Amino acid sequence: MANFSEFNLWLGKIFGCSEYDIKKILKDPTALHFLVAWSLFESKCFKGFVKSEDISNYANTVSSTIDWLELSDTVNYFHERYQDTTFLENLLHQQKCQNLTEILKKPFDDLNRKEGVFLLVFVIYRYRNNIFHGNKGVQSWVVYSEQIQHCTHAMQVMVSHVEALKQTINIASA
């Protein structure tokens, strides 16, 4: 059985960096928090699997009942961030999303809740895809930690919303 030091050495070889750099990456809880929140988010809010075409329906379903005060700062953060076309292109990684484009054209104060929830979930979905399938690897988790922390916070709010409506998580039985 491999131990942590062996894992760090192995990962360092894979990424072409030192064991120190690997320890720095793994010491930051941002990625772990995102991964745990994503697992709950995907299973509780999307019945196990998120597809981009499901995001609009989800936003429409929860926008009137979700705690908007808990999400609005994060929506504003991402709305402002993706006014920068370089950041937006990096997020989308050649994927097109007309809904997102239209939402980003509007001033933040003109967004309705559905648009705000859509923006958040789409950004979270893209971060997840970029981390696991796209142009961002484990090394970028530290670089993008602020954005990943915003995503994690939003997923916490959305999972808590679902759990408040119908409790399904029972840690004692896990």
C-alpha atoms as a PDB file:
ATOM      1  CA  MET A   1       0.000   0.000   0.000  1.00  0.00           C
ATOM      2  CA  ALA A   2       1.377   3.431  -0.966  1.00  0.00           C
ATOM      3  CA  ASN A   3       1.860   6.068   1.702  1.00  0.00           C
ATOM      4  CA  PHE A   4       1.450   9.859   1.455  1.00  0.00           C
ATOM      5  CA  SER A   5       5.122  10.512   0.761  1.00  0.00           C
ATOM      6  CA  GLU A   6       5.129   7.992  -2.093  1.00  0.00           C
ATOM      7  CA  PHE A   7       1.965   9.572  -3.478  1.00  0.00           C
ATOM      8  CA  ASN A   8       3.535  13.054  -3.320  1.00  0.00           C
ATOM      9  CA  LEU A   9       6.679  11.821  -5.109  1.00  0.00           C
ATOM     10  CA  TRP A  10       4.595  10.071  -7.759  1.00  0.00           C
ATOM     11  CA  LEU A  11       2.379  13.119  -8.312  1.00  0.00           C
ATOM     12  CA  GLY A  12       5.441  15.363  -8.490  1.00  0.00           C
ATOM     13  CA  LYS A  13       6.869  13.186 -11.260  1.00  0.00           C
ATOM     14  CA  ILE A  14       3.584  13.255 -13.150  1.00  0.00           C
ATOM     15  CA  PHE A  15       3.349  17.060 -12.914  1.00  0.00           C
ATOM     16  CA  GLY A  16       7.061  17.676 -13.261  1.00  0.00           C
ATOM     17  CA  CYS A  17       7.326  19.555  -9.993  1.00  0.00           C
ATOM     18  CA  SER A  18       8.862  19.113  -6.589  1.00  0.00           C
ATOM     19  CA  GLU A  19       7.446  17.249  -3.625  1.00  0.00           C
ATOM     20  CA  TYR A  20       7.288  20.667  -1.892  1.00  0.00           C
ATOM     21  CA  ASP A  21       5.012  22.009  -4.651  1.00  0.00           C
ATOM     22  CA  ILE A  22       2.806  18.938  -4.362  1.00  0.00           C
ATOM     23  CA  LYS A  23       2.558  19.373  -0.584  1.00  0.00           C
ATOM     24  CA  LYS A  24       1.562  23.012  -1.148  1.00  0.00           C
ATOM     25  CA  ILE A  25      -1.173  21.976  -3.591  1.00  0.00           C
ATOM     26  CA  LEU A  26      -2.502  19.234  -1.321  1.00  0.00           C
ATOM     27  CA  LYS A  27      -2.311  21.350   1.846  1.00  0.00           C
ATOM     28  CA  ASP A  28      -4.845  23.832   0.478  1.00  0.00           C
ATOM     29  CA  PRO A  29      -8.348  22.450   1.271  1.00  0.00           C
ATOM     30  CA  THR A  30      -9.964  24.356  -1.627  1.00  0.00           C
ATOM     31  CA  ALA A  31      -9.912  21.425  -4.045  1.00  0.00           C
ATOM     32  CA  LEU A  32     -11.143  18.925  -1.471  1.00  0.00           C
ATOM     33  CA  HIS A  33     -14.011  21.219  -0.470  1.00  0.00           C
ATOM     34  CA  PHE A  34     -14.963  21.714  -4.123  1.00  0.00           C
ATOM     35  CA  LEU A  35     -14.873  17.971  -4.822  1.00  0.00           C
ATOM     36  CA  VAL A  36     -17.040  17.085  -1.816  1.00  0.00           C
ATOM     37  CA  ALA A  37     -19.490  19.908  -2.546  1.00  0.00           C
ATOM     38  CA  TRP A  38     -19.606  18.926  -6.234  1.00  0.00           C
ATOM     39  CA  SER A  39     -20.448  15.334  -5.364  1.00  0.00           C
ATOM     40  CA  LEU A  40     -23.337  16.446  -3.153  1.00  0.00           C
ATOM     41  CA  PHE A  41     -24.440  19.136  -5.609  1.00  0.00           C
ATOM     42  CA  GLU A  42     -24.528  16.794  -8.572  1.00  0.00           C
ATOM     43  CA  SER A  43     -26.342  14.037  -6.696  1.00  0.00           C
ATOM     44  CA  LYS A  44     -28.820  16.195  -4.766  1.00  0.00           C
ATOM     45  CA  CYS A  45     -29.576  18.973  -7.255  1.00  0.00           C
ATOM     46  CA  PHE A  46     -29.247  17.029 -10.517  1.00  0.00           C
ATOM     47  CA  LYS A  47     -30.087  13.451  -9.535  1.00  0.00           C
ATOM     48  CA  GLY A  48     -26.537  12.266 -10.053  1.00  0.00           C
ATOM     49  CA  PHE A  49     -25.382  13.804 -13.321  1.00  0.00           C
ATOM     50  CA  VAL A  50     -25.237  17.409 -14.549  1.00  0.00           C
ATOM     51  CA  LYS A  51     -25.611  18.078 -18.261  1.00  0.00           C
ATOM     52  CA  SER A  52     -25.360  21.625 -19.610  1.00  0.00           C
ATOM     53  CA  GLU A  53     -28.848  21.413 -21.087  1.00  0.00           C
ATOM     54  CA  ASP A  54     -30.290  20.734 -17.581  1.00  0.00           C
ATOM     55  CA  ILE A  55     -28.951  23.938 -16.042  1.00  0.00           C
ATOM     56  CA  SER A  56     -31.708  26.224 -17.342  1.00  0.00           C
ATOM     57  CA  ASN A  57     -34.447  23.952 -15.995  1.00  0.00           C
ATOM     58  CA  TYR A  58     -32.725  23.764 -12.602  1.00  0.00           C
ATOM     59  CA  ALA A  59     -32.381  27.557 -12.470  1.00  0.00           C
ATOM     60  CA  ASN A  60     -36.038  27.965 -13.353  1.00  0.00           C
ATOM     61  CA  THR A  61     -37.103  25.437 -10.705  1.00  0.00           C
ATOM     62  CA  VAL A  62     -35.174  26.854  -7.723  1.00  0.00           C
ATOM     63  CA  SER A  63     -34.873  30.565  -8.513  1.00  0.00           C
ATOM     64  CA  SER A  64     -38.046  31.592  -6.707  1.00  0.00           C
ATOM     65  CA  THR A  65     -37.304  29.705  -3.476  1.00  0.00           C
ATOM     66  CA  ILE A  66     -33.529  29.682  -3.052  1.00  0.00           C
ATOM     67  CA  ASP A  67     -31.885  32.136  -0.647  1.00  0.00           C
ATOM     68  CA  TRP A  68     -30.934  34.897  -3.079  1.00  0.00           C
ATOM     69  CA  LEU A  69     -29.135  36.923  -0.405  1.00  0.00           C
ATOM     70  CA  GLU A  70     -26.726  34.015   0.072  1.00  0.00           C
ATOM     71  CA  LEU A  71     -26.012  33.828  -3.663  1.00  0.00           C
ATOM     72  CA  SER A  72     -26.138  37.391  -4.952  1.00  0.00           C
ATOM     73  CA  ASP A  73     -22.573  38.384  -4.032  1.00  0.00           C
ATOM     74  CA  THR A  74     -21.226  35.299  -5.770  1.00  0.00           C
ATOM     75  CA  VAL A  75     -23.412  35.935  -8.819  1.00  0.00           C
ATOM     76  CA  ASN A  76     -22.113  39.508  -8.907  1.00  0.00           C
ATOM     77  CA  TYR A  77     -18.515  38.292  -8.554  1.00  0.00           C
ATOM     78  CA  PHE A  78     -18.780  35.967 -11.557  1.00  0.00           C
ATOM     79  CA  HIS A  79     -20.876  38.397 -13.597  1.00  0.00           C
ATOM     80  CA  GLU A  80     -18.158  41.003 -13.138  1.00  0.00           C
ATOM     81  CA  ARG A  81     -15.309  38.546 -13.735  1.00  0.00           C
ATOM     82  CA  TYR A  82     -16.689  37.297 -17.033  1.00  0.00           C
ATOM     83  CA  GLN A  83     -17.091  40.748 -18.498  1.00  0.00           C
ATOM     84  CA  ASP A  84     -13.411  40.179 -19.284  1.00  0.00           C
ATOM     85  CA  THR A  85     -13.438  38.257 -22.582  1.00  0.00           C
ATOM     86  CA  THR A  86     -10.106  36.555 -21.858  1.00  0.00           C
ATOM     87  CA  PHE A  87     -11.454  35.115 -18.605  1.00  0.00           C
ATOM     88  CA  LEU A  88     -14.693  34.141 -20.371  1.00  0.00           C
ATOM     89  CA  GLU A  89     -12.884  32.352 -23.199  1.00  0.00           C
ATOM     90  CA  ASN A  90     -10.754  30.523 -20.641  1.00  0.00           C
ATOM     91  CA  LEU A  91     -13.888  29.469 -18.738  1.00  0.00           C
ATOM     92  CA  LEU A  92     -15.761  28.273 -21.814  1.00  0.00           C
ATOM     93  CA  HIS A  93     -12.777  26.523 -23.403  1.00  0.00           C
ATOM     94  CA  GLN A  94     -14.425  26.673 -26.853  1.00  0.00           C
ATOM     95  CA  GLN A  95     -17.900  25.755 -25.585  1.00  0.00           C
ATOM     96  CA  LYS A  96     -20.707  28.080 -26.642  1.00  0.00           C
ATOM     97  CA  CYS A  97     -23.588  29.132 -24.412  1.00  0.00           C
ATOM     98  CA  GLN A  98     -26.075  31.647 -25.763  1.00  0.00           C
ATOM     99  CA  ASN A  99     -27.881  31.987 -22.408  1.00  0.00           C
ATOM    100  CA  LEU A 100     -24.634  32.899 -20.679  1.00  0.00           C
ATOM    101  CA  THR A 101     -23.731  35.403 -23.394  1.00  0.00           C
ATOM    102  CA  GLU A 102     -27.097  37.132 -23.041  1.00  0.00           C
ATOM    103  CA  ILE A 103     -26.865  37.208 -19.246  1.00  0.00           C
ATOM    104  CA  LEU A 104     -23.398  38.735 -19.345  1.00  0.00           C
ATOM    105  CA  LYS A 105     -24.590  41.493 -21.696  1.00  0.00           C
ATOM    106  CA  LYS A 106     -27.024  42.733 -19.058  1.00  0.00           C
ATOM    107  CA  PRO A 107     -25.993  44.965 -16.155  1.00  0.00           C
ATOM    108  CA  PHE A 108     -25.873  42.958 -12.918  1.00  0.00           C
ATOM    109  CA  ASP A 109     -28.766  44.928 -11.388  1.00  0.00           C
ATOM    110  CA  ASP A 110     -31.007  43.930 -14.323  1.00  0.00           C
ATOM    111  CA  LEU A 111     -30.543  40.188 -13.818  1.00  0.00           C
ATOM    112  CA  ASN A 112     -33.457  38.212 -12.452  1.00  0.00           C
ATOM    113  CA  ARG A 113     -32.959  35.330 -10.051  1.00  0.00           C
ATOM    114  CA  LYS A 114     -33.278  32.680 -12.739  1.00  0.00           C
ATOM    115  CA  GLU A 115     -30.511  34.320 -14.753  1.00  0.00           C
ATOM    116  CA  GLY A 116     -28.354  34.629 -11.653  1.00  0.00           C
ATOM    117  CA  VAL A 117     -28.788  30.974 -10.694  1.00  0.00           C
ATOM    118  CA  PHE A 118     -28.148  29.940 -14.304  1.00  0.00           C
ATOM    119  CA  LEU A 119     -24.926  31.987 -14.383  1.00  0.00           C
ATOM    120  CA  LEU A 120     -23.717  30.423 -11.132  1.00  0.00           C
ATOM    121  CA  VAL A 121     -24.517  26.843 -12.034  1.00  0.00           C
ATOM    122  CA  PHE A 122     -23.049  27.196 -15.508  1.00  0.00           C
ATOM    123  CA  VAL A 123     -19.823  28.640 -14.076  1.00  0.00           C
ATOM    124  CA  ILE A 124     -19.625  25.862 -11.481  1.00  0.00           C
ATOM    125  CA  TYR A 125     -20.249  23.274 -14.200  1.00  0.00           C
ATOM    126  CA  ARG A 126     -17.484  24.756 -16.355  1.00  0.00           C
ATOM    127  CA  TYR A 127     -15.031  24.854 -13.438  1.00  0.00           C
ATOM    128  CA  ARG A 128     -15.732  21.206 -12.769  1.00  0.00           C
ATOM    129  CA  ASN A 129     -15.261  20.350 -16.451  1.00  0.00           C
ATOM    130  CA  ASN A 130     -12.116  22.429 -16.765  1.00  0.00           C
ATOM    131  CA  ILE A 131     -10.597  20.842 -13.668  1.00  0.00           C
ATOM    132  CA  PHE A 132     -11.277  17.282 -14.803  1.00  0.00           C
ATOM    133  CA  HIS A 133     -11.493  17.403 -18.583  1.00  0.00           C
ATOM    134  CA  GLY A 134     -10.170  20.686 -19.858  1.00  0.00           C
ATOM    135  CA  ASN A 135      -7.218  22.956 -19.713  1.00  0.00           C
ATOM    136  CA  LYS A 136      -6.895  23.242 -15.941  1.00  0.00           C
ATOM    137  CA  GLY A 137      -5.130  20.584 -13.965  1.00  0.00           C
ATOM    138  CA  VAL A 138      -4.488  20.045 -10.309  1.00  0.00           C
ATOM    139  CA  GLN A 139      -1.724  22.675 -10.334  1.00  0.00           C
ATOM    140  CA  SER A 140      -4.252  25.388 -11.197  1.00  0.00           C
ATOM    141  CA  TRP A 141      -6.377  24.722  -8.107  1.00  0.00           C
ATOM    142  CA  VAL A 142      -4.216  27.046  -6.031  1.00  0.00           C
ATOM    143  CA  VAL A 143      -4.166  29.708  -8.768  1.00  0.00           C
ATOM    144  CA  TYR A 144      -7.964  29.627  -9.100  1.00  0.00           C
ATOM    145  CA  SER A 145      -8.674  29.129  -5.407  1.00  0.00           C
ATOM    146  CA  GLU A 146     -10.732  32.326  -5.055  1.00  0.00           C
ATOM    147  CA  GLN A 147     -13.036  31.336  -7.910  1.00  0.00           C
ATOM    148  CA  ILE A 148     -13.228  27.732  -6.711  1.00  0.00           C
ATOM    149  CA  GLN A 149     -14.137  28.933  -3.208  1.00  0.00           C
ATOM    150  CA  HIS A 150     -16.970  31.031  -4.670  1.00  0.00           C
ATOM    151  CA  CYS A 151     -18.195  27.954  -6.557  1.00  0.00           C
ATOM    152  CA  THR A 152     -18.036  25.862  -3.399  1.00  0.00           C
ATOM    153  CA  HIS A 153     -20.003  28.444  -1.418  1.00  0.00           C
ATOM    154  CA  ALA A 154     -22.729  28.534  -4.084  1.00  0.00           C
ATOM    155  CA  MET A 155     -22.957  24.729  -4.130  1.00  0.00           C
ATOM    156  CA  GLN A 156     -23.293  24.734  -0.332  1.00  0.00           C
ATOM    157  CA  VAL A 157     -26.255  27.104  -0.605  1.00  0.00           C
ATOM    158  CA  MET A 158     -27.886  25.032  -3.338  1.00  0.00           C
ATOM    159  CA  VAL A 159     -27.402  21.692  -1.570  1.00  0.00           C
ATOM    160  CA  SER A 160     -28.701  23.198   1.692  1.00  0.00           C
ATOM    161  CA  HIS A 161     -31.731  24.484  -0.215  1.00  0.00           C
ATOM    162  CA  VAL A 162     -32.545  21.006  -1.515  1.00  0.00           C
ATOM    163  CA  GLU A 163     -31.960  19.459   1.909  1.00  0.00           C
ATOM    164  CA  ALA A 164     -34.253  22.023   3.564  1.00  0.00           C
ATOM    165  CA  LEU A 165     -37.037  20.988   1.190  1.00  0.00           C
ATOM    166  CA  LYS A 166     -36.462  17.253   1.627  1.00  0.00           C
ATOM    167  CA  GLN A 167     -33.798  15.888   3.921  1.00  0.00           C
ATOM    168  CA  THR A 168     -31.983  13.017   2.280  1.00  0.00           C
ATOM    169  CA  ILE A 169     -28.532  13.177   3.857  1.00  0.00           C
ATOM    170  CA  ASN A 170     -28.134  11.268   7.093  1.00  0.00           C
ATOM    171  CA  ILE A 171     -24.513  11.153   8.092  1.00  0.00           C
ATOM    172  CA  ALA A 172     -25.218   8.711  10.941  1.00  0.00           C
ATOM    173  CA  SER A 173     -26.260   6.020   8.465  1.00  0.00           C
ATOM    174  CA  ALA A 174     -23.358   6.627   6.070  1.00  0.00           C
END
